[in-house]
N, C-alpha and C. Protein backbone atom coordinates (compact mmCIF):
# COMPACT_ATOMS: atom_id res chain seq x y z
N MET A 1 2.87 -9.08 5.06
CA MET A 1 2.08 -7.76 5.42
C MET A 1 2.10 -7.50 7.07
N PHE A 2 1.89 -6.53 7.71
CA PHE A 2 1.06 -5.48 8.89
C PHE A 2 -0.09 -4.72 8.30
N ILE A 3 -1.67 -5.53 8.87
CA ILE A 3 -2.41 -5.07 8.42
C ILE A 3 -2.91 -4.44 9.88
N ASP A 4 -3.25 -3.05 9.22
CA ASP A 4 -4.38 -2.67 10.97
C ASP A 4 -5.88 -2.60 10.20
N LEU A 5 -6.97 -2.82 11.00
CA LEU A 5 -7.69 -1.92 10.61
C LEU A 5 -8.75 -0.77 10.97
N ASN A 6 -8.74 -0.42 10.09
CA ASN A 6 -8.67 1.17 10.50
C ASN A 6 -10.35 1.61 11.13
N LYS A 7 -10.34 2.41 12.14
CA LYS A 7 -11.83 3.29 13.02
C LYS A 7 -12.26 2.03 13.71
N PHE A 8 -11.13 0.74 14.38
CA PHE A 8 -11.66 -0.13 14.71
C PHE A 8 -11.88 0.08 16.74
N LYS A 9 -11.21 1.39 17.20
CA LYS A 9 -11.76 1.84 18.12
C LYS A 9 -12.92 2.09 18.44
N LEU A 10 -13.14 3.10 17.17
CA LEU A 10 -14.79 3.96 17.04
C LEU A 10 -15.92 2.78 17.79
N ILE A 11 -15.63 1.53 16.65
CA ILE A 11 -16.45 0.47 16.55
C ILE A 11 -17.06 -0.05 18.16
N ASN A 12 -15.74 -0.56 18.57
CA ASN A 12 -15.66 -0.95 19.88
C ASN A 12 -16.54 0.10 20.74
N ASP A 13 -16.00 1.05 20.94
CA ASP A 13 -16.60 2.37 21.61
C ASP A 13 -18.28 2.70 21.31
N THR A 14 -18.58 2.77 20.43
CA THR A 14 -20.07 2.27 19.92
C THR A 14 -20.71 1.53 19.57
N LEU A 15 -20.58 0.18 19.76
CA LEU A 15 -21.64 -0.65 19.63
C LEU A 15 -21.10 -2.03 20.62
N GLY A 16 -20.02 -1.54 20.88
CA GLY A 16 -19.71 -2.36 21.76
C GLY A 16 -18.26 -3.55 21.84
N HIS A 17 -17.79 -3.63 22.88
CA HIS A 17 -16.95 -4.83 22.62
C HIS A 17 -17.08 -6.42 21.94
N GLU A 18 -18.56 -6.59 22.13
CA GLU A 18 -19.00 -8.32 21.05
C GLU A 18 -18.91 -7.57 20.03
N ALA A 19 -19.11 -6.09 19.65
CA ALA A 19 -19.42 -5.99 18.31
C ALA A 19 -17.81 -6.37 17.49
N GLY A 20 -16.89 -5.33 18.23
CA GLY A 20 -15.56 -5.39 18.00
C GLY A 20 -14.97 -6.59 17.65
N ASP A 21 -15.41 -7.86 18.54
CA ASP A 21 -14.97 -9.03 18.62
C ASP A 21 -15.07 -9.93 17.28
N PHE A 22 -16.75 -9.59 17.16
CA PHE A 22 -17.38 -10.20 16.29
C PHE A 22 -16.52 -10.11 14.83
N LEU A 23 -15.66 -8.00 14.87
CA LEU A 23 -15.88 -7.96 13.32
C LEU A 23 -14.03 -8.64 13.29
N LEU A 24 -13.34 -8.69 14.26
CA LEU A 24 -12.21 -9.00 14.05
C LEU A 24 -12.12 -10.15 13.56
N LYS A 25 -13.11 -11.37 14.27
CA LYS A 25 -13.74 -13.09 13.65
C LYS A 25 -13.64 -12.73 11.76
N GLU A 26 -14.86 -11.73 11.81
CA GLU A 26 -14.64 -11.93 10.11
C GLU A 26 -13.61 -11.76 9.66
N ALA A 27 -13.05 -10.64 10.07
CA ALA A 27 -12.31 -9.61 9.19
C ALA A 27 -11.20 -11.10 9.12
N ALA A 28 -10.20 -11.55 9.65
CA ALA A 28 -9.96 -13.28 9.97
C ALA A 28 -10.14 -13.48 9.06
N ASN A 29 -11.48 -14.12 9.10
CA ASN A 29 -11.81 -15.13 7.85
C ASN A 29 -11.94 -15.09 6.83
N ARG A 30 -12.14 -13.70 6.56
CA ARG A 30 -12.35 -12.95 4.78
C ARG A 30 -11.11 -13.23 4.66
N PHE A 31 -10.10 -12.48 5.39
CA PHE A 31 -8.69 -11.95 4.71
C PHE A 31 -7.48 -13.79 4.37
N LYS A 32 -7.77 -14.59 5.46
CA LYS A 32 -7.89 -16.31 5.25
C LYS A 32 -8.30 -16.69 3.71
N ASN A 33 -9.64 -16.66 3.19
CA ASN A 33 -10.27 -16.36 1.79
C ASN A 33 -9.55 -15.87 1.18
N ALA A 34 -8.84 -14.66 1.23
CA ALA A 34 -8.73 -13.67 0.36
C ALA A 34 -7.00 -14.41 0.24
N ILE A 35 -5.92 -14.86 0.66
CA ILE A 35 -4.90 -15.28 0.60
C ILE A 35 -4.95 -16.62 -0.21
N ARG A 36 -4.15 -16.88 -0.61
CA ARG A 36 -3.05 -18.57 -1.02
C ARG A 36 -3.14 -19.18 -0.29
N THR A 37 -2.85 -20.33 -1.18
CA THR A 37 -3.06 -21.66 -0.11
C THR A 37 -1.89 -21.65 0.88
N ASP A 38 -0.74 -21.60 0.62
CA ASP A 38 0.57 -21.71 1.31
C ASP A 38 1.00 -20.52 2.07
N ASP A 39 -0.02 -19.19 1.91
CA ASP A 39 0.47 -18.51 2.41
C ASP A 39 -0.61 -18.15 4.49
N ILE A 40 -0.03 -17.57 5.73
CA ILE A 40 -0.71 -17.89 6.57
C ILE A 40 -0.58 -16.51 6.84
N VAL A 41 -2.56 -15.97 8.00
CA VAL A 41 -2.23 -15.15 8.36
C VAL A 41 -2.61 -15.40 10.13
N PHE A 42 -1.90 -14.32 10.96
CA PHE A 42 -1.60 -14.31 12.09
C PHE A 42 -2.30 -13.35 13.09
N ARG A 43 -2.97 -12.89 14.09
CA ARG A 43 -3.85 -12.05 14.51
C ARG A 43 -2.72 -11.68 15.75
N LEU A 44 -1.85 -10.36 15.80
CA LEU A 44 -1.13 -10.02 16.54
C LEU A 44 -1.53 -9.50 18.17
N GLY A 45 -3.27 -9.00 17.81
CA GLY A 45 -3.61 -8.35 19.11
C GLY A 45 -3.96 -7.46 18.45
N GLY A 46 -5.56 -6.87 18.85
CA GLY A 46 -5.81 -5.78 18.65
C GLY A 46 -6.42 -6.42 17.93
N ASP A 47 -6.75 -5.77 17.27
CA ASP A 47 -6.77 -4.83 15.40
C ASP A 47 -5.62 -5.24 14.51
N GLU A 48 -4.73 -5.72 14.95
CA GLU A 48 -3.39 -6.08 13.87
C GLU A 48 -3.05 -7.51 13.55
N PHE A 49 -3.08 -7.53 12.16
CA PHE A 49 -2.70 -8.87 11.42
C PHE A 49 -1.52 -8.68 10.64
N LEU A 50 -0.68 -10.05 11.05
CA LEU A 50 0.38 -9.98 10.19
C LEU A 50 -0.51 -11.68 9.16
N ILE A 51 0.48 -10.65 7.51
CA ILE A 51 -0.23 -11.96 6.53
C ILE A 51 1.28 -11.92 6.01
N LEU A 52 1.68 -13.44 6.34
CA LEU A 52 3.05 -13.77 5.48
C LEU A 52 3.25 -14.46 4.24
N ILE A 53 3.44 -13.74 2.92
CA ILE A 53 3.20 -14.90 1.51
C ILE A 53 4.49 -14.97 1.26
N THR A 54 4.63 -16.44 0.73
CA THR A 54 5.10 -16.92 0.18
C THR A 54 5.89 -16.76 -0.94
N ASN A 55 6.86 -17.34 -1.15
CA ASN A 55 7.07 -17.87 -2.55
C ASN A 55 7.06 -16.39 -3.86
N VAL A 56 7.64 -15.18 -3.27
CA VAL A 56 6.63 -14.45 -4.53
C VAL A 56 7.72 -14.08 -5.22
N MET A 57 7.86 -14.11 -6.20
CA MET A 57 8.89 -13.58 -7.23
C MET A 57 8.90 -11.76 -7.54
N ASN A 58 7.73 -11.12 -7.05
CA ASN A 58 7.84 -9.73 -7.97
C ASN A 58 6.53 -8.89 -7.30
N ASN A 59 6.75 -8.27 -7.02
CA ASN A 59 5.65 -6.87 -6.23
C ASN A 59 4.52 -6.74 -7.01
N SER A 60 4.20 -7.40 -8.27
CA SER A 60 2.78 -7.55 -8.85
C SER A 60 2.28 -8.68 -7.94
N GLN A 61 2.79 -10.11 -8.32
CA GLN A 61 2.00 -11.40 -7.17
C GLN A 61 1.60 -10.43 -5.81
N VAL A 62 2.52 -9.19 -5.32
CA VAL A 62 2.17 -8.96 -3.70
C VAL A 62 1.13 -8.33 -4.04
N LYS A 63 0.51 -7.43 -4.81
CA LYS A 63 -0.32 -6.08 -5.20
C LYS A 63 -1.49 -7.58 -5.88
N GLU A 64 -2.29 -8.60 -5.78
CA GLU A 64 -2.35 -9.56 -6.86
C GLU A 64 -3.33 -9.78 -4.74
N VAL A 65 -2.43 -10.53 -4.55
CA VAL A 65 -2.81 -10.66 -2.90
C VAL A 65 -4.00 -9.51 -2.22
N ILE A 66 -3.18 -7.88 -2.63
CA ILE A 66 -3.51 -7.34 -1.65
C ILE A 66 -4.85 -6.88 -1.74
N THR A 67 -5.36 -6.79 -3.69
CA THR A 67 -6.11 -6.93 -4.37
C THR A 67 -7.39 -7.27 -3.99
N LYS A 68 -7.13 -8.97 -3.21
CA LYS A 68 -8.23 -9.58 -3.30
C LYS A 68 -8.47 -9.69 -1.27
N ILE A 69 -7.28 -9.33 -0.83
CA ILE A 69 -8.07 -9.11 0.69
C ILE A 69 -8.76 -7.72 0.11
N PHE A 70 -8.61 -6.30 -0.41
CA PHE A 70 -9.44 -5.25 0.28
C PHE A 70 -10.68 -5.71 -1.11
N GLU A 71 -10.95 -6.31 -1.65
CA GLU A 71 -12.25 -7.35 -2.21
C GLU A 71 -12.75 -7.55 -1.29
N SER A 72 -12.23 -9.07 -0.34
CA SER A 72 -12.70 -9.59 0.31
C SER A 72 -13.51 -8.35 1.65
N ILE A 73 -12.54 -6.85 2.07
CA ILE A 73 -13.82 -6.41 3.05
C ILE A 73 -14.37 -5.21 2.40
N LYS A 74 -14.46 -5.86 0.85
CA LYS A 74 -15.83 -4.64 0.63
C LYS A 74 -17.06 -4.45 0.84
N THR A 75 -17.58 -6.09 1.05
CA THR A 75 -19.13 -5.78 1.97
C THR A 75 -19.07 -4.81 3.17
N PRO A 76 -19.92 -4.97 3.28
CA PRO A 76 -19.69 -4.72 5.02
C PRO A 76 -20.34 -5.65 6.11
N VAL A 77 -20.14 -5.95 7.37
CA VAL A 77 -20.03 -7.31 7.99
C VAL A 77 -21.43 -6.72 8.80
N ASN A 78 -22.27 -7.67 8.44
CA ASN A 78 -23.30 -8.40 9.31
C ASN A 78 -23.44 -7.84 10.33
N TYR A 79 -24.21 -7.15 11.61
CA TYR A 79 -23.82 -7.95 12.85
C TYR A 79 -25.20 -6.95 14.03
N ASN A 80 -25.59 -8.60 13.54
CA ASN A 80 -27.37 -8.09 14.57
C ASN A 80 -28.16 -7.02 13.99
N GLY A 81 -28.05 -7.23 12.39
CA GLY A 81 -29.13 -6.56 11.50
C GLY A 81 -28.54 -4.88 10.89
N LYS A 82 -27.30 -5.08 11.37
CA LYS A 82 -26.28 -3.56 11.25
C LYS A 82 -25.16 -3.92 10.50
N PRO A 83 -25.47 -3.55 9.60
CA PRO A 83 -23.83 -3.13 8.79
C PRO A 83 -23.24 -1.89 8.80
N ILE A 84 -22.01 -2.90 9.50
CA ILE A 84 -20.59 -2.57 9.72
C ILE A 84 -19.47 -2.13 8.85
N ASP A 85 -19.21 -1.49 8.22
CA ASP A 85 -18.16 -0.84 6.89
C ASP A 85 -16.32 -1.69 7.82
N ILE A 86 -15.59 -2.61 6.54
CA ILE A 86 -14.04 -2.75 7.51
C ILE A 86 -13.13 -2.03 6.04
N SER A 87 -12.50 -1.04 6.57
CA SER A 87 -11.62 -1.12 6.23
C SER A 87 -10.36 -1.06 6.91
N ALA A 88 -9.69 -0.95 5.80
CA ALA A 88 -7.83 -1.54 6.59
C ALA A 88 -6.92 -0.70 6.01
N SER A 89 -5.68 -0.83 6.58
CA SER A 89 -4.65 -0.12 6.05
C SER A 89 -3.61 -1.59 6.06
N ILE A 90 -2.52 -1.18 4.92
CA ILE A 90 -1.89 -2.56 4.87
C ILE A 90 -0.70 -2.59 4.80
N GLY A 91 0.78 -2.82 5.53
CA GLY A 91 2.29 -2.37 4.97
C GLY A 91 2.54 -3.74 4.43
N ILE A 92 3.67 -3.14 3.69
CA ILE A 92 4.34 -4.75 3.17
C ILE A 92 6.07 -3.72 3.13
N ALA A 93 6.80 -5.36 3.27
CA ALA A 93 7.68 -6.24 3.96
C ALA A 93 8.64 -6.64 3.16
N MET A 94 9.69 -6.75 2.29
CA MET A 94 9.74 -7.68 1.15
C MET A 94 11.33 -8.46 1.76
N PHE A 95 11.64 -9.72 1.76
CA PHE A 95 11.94 -10.27 2.34
C PHE A 95 13.47 -10.58 0.97
N PRO A 96 14.52 -10.41 0.83
CA PRO A 96 15.59 -9.37 1.79
C PRO A 96 16.13 -8.62 1.93
N LYS A 97 14.98 -7.60 0.99
CA LYS A 97 15.16 -6.12 0.78
C LYS A 97 15.45 -5.85 1.92
N ASN A 98 14.09 -5.46 2.98
CA ASN A 98 13.76 -5.07 4.12
C ASN A 98 13.88 -5.42 5.14
N GLY A 99 14.83 -6.89 5.40
CA GLY A 99 15.08 -7.44 6.56
C GLY A 99 15.61 -8.77 6.13
N GLU A 100 15.86 -9.55 6.90
CA GLU A 100 16.40 -11.05 6.57
C GLU A 100 15.92 -11.78 8.46
N THR A 101 15.43 -11.15 8.95
CA THR A 101 14.89 -11.16 10.33
C THR A 101 13.35 -11.08 10.76
N PRO A 102 12.04 -11.69 11.07
CA PRO A 102 11.29 -12.04 11.52
C PRO A 102 10.77 -10.08 12.25
N GLU A 103 11.51 -9.65 12.72
CA GLU A 103 11.42 -8.65 13.80
C GLU A 103 11.95 -7.61 12.45
N GLU A 104 12.96 -7.17 11.73
CA GLU A 104 13.71 -6.81 10.93
C GLU A 104 11.84 -6.07 9.58
N LEU A 105 11.92 -7.19 9.65
CA LEU A 105 10.70 -7.95 8.60
C LEU A 105 9.39 -6.63 9.59
N MET A 106 8.88 -7.37 10.91
CA MET A 106 7.50 -6.09 11.12
C MET A 106 8.21 -4.98 10.90
N LYS A 107 8.85 -4.72 11.88
CA LYS A 107 9.29 -2.91 11.89
C LYS A 107 9.12 -2.43 10.61
N ALA A 108 9.22 -3.37 9.29
CA ALA A 108 9.76 -2.41 8.25
C ALA A 108 7.81 -2.09 7.88
N ALA A 109 7.39 -3.42 8.35
CA ALA A 109 5.69 -3.55 7.59
C ALA A 109 4.80 -3.28 8.08
N ASP A 110 5.07 -2.46 9.75
CA ASP A 110 4.65 -1.79 10.52
C ASP A 110 4.91 -0.25 10.33
N ALA A 111 5.89 -0.23 9.73
CA ALA A 111 6.05 1.22 9.37
C ALA A 111 6.05 1.77 7.92
N ALA A 112 5.45 0.89 7.01
CA ALA A 112 4.55 1.10 5.94
C ALA A 112 3.24 0.81 6.14
N MET A 113 2.85 0.98 6.92
CA MET A 113 1.44 0.77 7.84
C MET A 113 1.12 2.01 8.28
N TYR A 114 2.27 2.37 8.73
CA TYR A 114 1.70 3.56 9.19
C TYR A 114 1.89 4.75 8.26
N ALA A 115 2.44 4.12 7.20
CA ALA A 115 2.64 5.22 6.03
C ALA A 115 1.17 5.28 4.76
N ALA A 116 0.74 3.91 5.41
CA ALA A 116 -0.80 3.89 4.35
C ALA A 116 -1.75 4.17 4.53
N LYS A 117 -1.76 4.30 6.40
CA LYS A 117 -2.88 5.54 7.13
C LYS A 117 -2.79 6.98 6.73
N GLN A 118 -1.69 7.36 6.26
CA GLN A 118 -1.72 9.04 6.15
C GLN A 118 -1.94 9.14 4.61
N ASP A 119 -1.71 7.52 4.03
CA ASP A 119 -2.54 8.03 1.77
C ASP A 119 -3.74 7.52 1.88
N LYS A 120 -4.98 9.13 2.45
CA LYS A 120 -6.32 8.46 1.97
C LYS A 120 -6.19 8.30 0.07
N ASP A 121 -5.51 7.95 -0.92
CA ASP A 121 -5.56 8.12 -1.49
C ASP A 121 -5.25 5.70 -2.00
N SER A 122 -3.71 5.60 -1.12
CA SER A 122 -3.92 4.22 -1.50
C SER A 122 -4.02 3.55 -0.13
N HIS A 123 -4.07 2.57 0.27
CA HIS A 123 -4.10 1.86 1.32
C HIS A 123 -2.88 1.07 2.11
N TYR A 124 -2.89 1.34 1.02
CA TYR A 124 -1.37 -0.12 1.18
C TYR A 124 -0.13 0.77 0.86
N LYS A 125 0.57 0.36 1.67
CA LYS A 125 2.79 0.68 1.01
C LYS A 125 3.63 -0.14 1.07
N PHE A 126 4.43 0.34 0.18
CA PHE A 126 5.11 -1.07 -0.19
C PHE A 126 6.22 -0.62 1.23
N PHE A 127 7.59 -0.44 1.56
CA PHE A 127 7.72 -0.27 2.93
C PHE A 127 9.43 0.22 2.34
N ASP A 128 9.51 1.66 3.15
CA ASP A 128 10.90 2.27 1.91
C ASP A 128 11.77 3.13 3.45
N THR A 129 12.55 3.26 3.17
CA THR A 129 13.81 3.32 3.85
C THR A 129 13.66 4.65 5.02
N ALA A 130 12.88 5.66 4.32
CA ALA A 130 12.33 6.81 4.15
C ALA A 130 11.77 7.05 5.43
N MET A 131 10.41 5.50 5.58
CA MET A 131 9.58 6.04 6.61
C MET A 131 10.31 5.54 7.95
N LEU A 132 11.47 4.83 7.96
CA LEU A 132 11.82 4.62 9.74
C LEU A 132 12.19 5.83 9.95
N ASP A 133 13.23 6.79 8.75
CA ASP A 133 13.00 8.15 9.33
C ASP A 133 12.37 9.18 10.27
N GLY A 134 10.78 9.15 9.50
CA GLY A 134 10.01 9.76 10.36
C GLY A 134 9.30 8.78 11.51
N LEU A 135 9.62 7.88 11.27
CA LEU A 135 9.74 6.23 12.79
C LEU A 135 10.16 7.53 13.85
N ASP A 136 11.79 7.56 13.46
CA ASP A 136 12.67 7.72 14.48
C ASP A 136 12.54 9.14 15.03
N LYS A 137 12.15 10.17 14.55
CA LYS A 137 11.55 11.27 14.92
C LYS A 137 10.48 11.40 15.72
N ASN A 138 9.11 10.70 15.56
CA ASN A 138 7.83 10.71 16.36
C ASN A 138 8.59 10.20 17.83
N ASN A 139 9.29 9.15 18.07
CA ASN A 139 9.22 8.03 19.29
C ASN A 139 11.20 8.90 20.06
């Protein structure tokens, strides 16, 4: 899963980098507490995270983890007495269907995350090859 925190730049710009750093740490902790013990959270940089979910048999198992992630960020972060809302967009790529190498899976999950950002009803998307067509046209 490729996760991007929504409106993170706005938080950094309005409340400062210290607030942004605090929010990143809080998001990472919440993601870590939402996943299963065998799963792993990585921060790529900026406001982007990867979560590696292991031993998945079907999409419903992934959706269970996603539900827990969204539940974990539902409560605002309290920073110096100010509530800061956290929201995220999540793109999902599955091995081996969407890629066999880490690079292929990250590219697919990243494309799905951008599709999730565009969809105001759902904040997550499973990768579809049509998503790469849209990225190729924009680059």
